[in-house]
Amino acid sequence: MGQKNFYEQLGLAPGATDPEIKRAYHKLVRKHHPDAAPDAKSKAEFEQLAQAYEVLSDPTKRADYDTVHGFDVIPRTLNSEKT
């Protein structure tokens, strides 16, 4: 079984906004923080969440990640034009 992509790890769709990414990350790290859940599975999950957030919260890293994983076709604008 393959590893989830960074968006799936955070429970988000690839077109998620920066505030949505931040909110999802903070919610999940509270649950899996080693001080709150000291088991090995939670520690591994916490590390994966940190990696996902590091990439998705940086516009340059996120653009590279999206391009490599085929998510670059999804528009991410906060001020979408309405027709």
Protein backbone atom coordinates (compact mmCIF):
# COMPACT_ATOMS: atom_id res chain seq x y z
CA MET A 1 0.00 0.00 0.00
CA GLY A 2 1.41 3.39 -0.98
CA GLN A 3 1.86 6.39 1.23
CA LYS A 4 -0.84 9.06 1.16
CA ASN A 5 -0.02 12.29 -0.59
CA PHE A 6 0.51 15.39 1.56
CA TYR A 7 -3.01 16.68 0.94
CA GLU A 8 -4.56 13.37 2.04
CA GLN A 9 -2.38 13.33 5.15
CA LEU A 10 -3.89 16.65 6.16
CA GLY A 11 -7.40 15.62 5.09
CA LEU A 12 -7.56 18.25 2.35
CA ALA A 13 -8.24 18.54 -1.35
CA PRO A 14 -5.34 19.65 -3.58
CA GLY A 15 -6.91 23.07 -4.14
CA ALA A 16 -6.88 23.91 -0.41
CA THR A 17 -6.07 27.46 0.59
CA ASP A 18 -3.19 28.42 2.88
CA PRO A 19 -5.50 29.05 5.89
CA GLU A 20 -7.16 25.65 5.35
CA ILE A 21 -3.76 23.94 5.31
CA LYS A 22 -2.67 25.70 8.48
CA ARG A 23 -5.94 24.90 10.29
CA ALA A 24 -5.85 21.21 9.31
CA TYR A 25 -2.20 20.89 10.29
CA HIS A 26 -2.68 22.43 13.73
CA LYS A 27 -5.72 20.27 14.43
CA LEU A 28 -3.88 17.05 13.53
CA VAL A 29 -0.59 17.81 15.29
CA ARG A 30 -2.44 18.38 18.56
CA LYS A 31 -3.86 14.88 18.21
CA HIS A 32 -0.57 13.20 17.25
CA HIS A 33 1.95 15.24 19.23
CA PRO A 34 4.38 12.91 21.07
CA ASP A 35 3.51 14.55 24.41
CA ALA A 36 -0.21 13.88 23.88
CA ALA A 37 0.10 10.39 22.40
CA PRO A 38 3.50 8.85 23.21
CA ASP A 39 3.09 5.69 21.11
CA ALA A 40 5.36 5.07 18.10
CA LYS A 41 2.53 5.27 15.56
CA SER A 42 1.58 8.78 16.67
CA LYS A 43 5.21 9.89 16.57
CA ALA A 44 5.53 8.65 12.99
CA GLU A 45 2.25 10.35 12.04
CA PHE A 46 3.42 13.58 13.67
CA GLU A 47 6.63 13.52 11.63
CA GLN A 48 4.71 12.89 8.39
CA LEU A 49 2.34 15.77 9.17
CA ALA A 50 5.29 18.08 9.82
CA GLN A 51 6.82 17.11 6.47
CA ALA A 52 3.53 17.67 4.65
CA TYR A 53 3.06 21.07 6.27
CA GLU A 54 6.64 22.11 5.55
CA VAL A 55 6.06 21.52 1.83
CA LEU A 56 2.47 22.76 1.51
CA SER A 57 2.99 25.92 3.56
CA ASP A 58 5.87 27.12 1.36
CA PRO A 59 4.61 28.45 -2.00
CA THR A 60 7.74 27.40 -3.93
CA LYS A 61 7.92 23.91 -2.43
CA ARG A 62 4.17 23.47 -2.90
CA ALA A 63 4.34 24.47 -6.57
CA ASP A 64 7.16 21.98 -7.13
CA TYR A 65 5.28 19.24 -5.25
CA ASP A 66 2.09 19.93 -7.20
CA THR A 67 3.93 19.81 -10.51
CA VAL A 68 5.71 16.53 -9.72
CA HIS A 69 2.54 14.86 -8.40
CA GLY A 70 0.17 16.17 -11.07
CA PHE A 71 -1.74 18.66 -8.92
CA ASP A 72 -0.51 21.73 -10.82
CA VAL A 73 -3.66 21.93 -12.94
CA ILE A 74 -5.79 22.94 -9.95
CA PRO A 75 -6.11 26.72 -9.57
CA ARG A 76 -5.38 28.11 -6.12
CA THR A 77 -6.44 31.71 -5.93
CA LEU A 78 -7.88 33.43 -2.92
CA ASN A 79 -9.48 36.14 -5.03
CA SER A 80 -11.23 34.13 -7.70
CA GLU A 81 -12.90 36.04 -10.49
CA LYS A 82 -16.61 35.35 -10.72
CA THR A 83 -18.33 35.30 -14.05
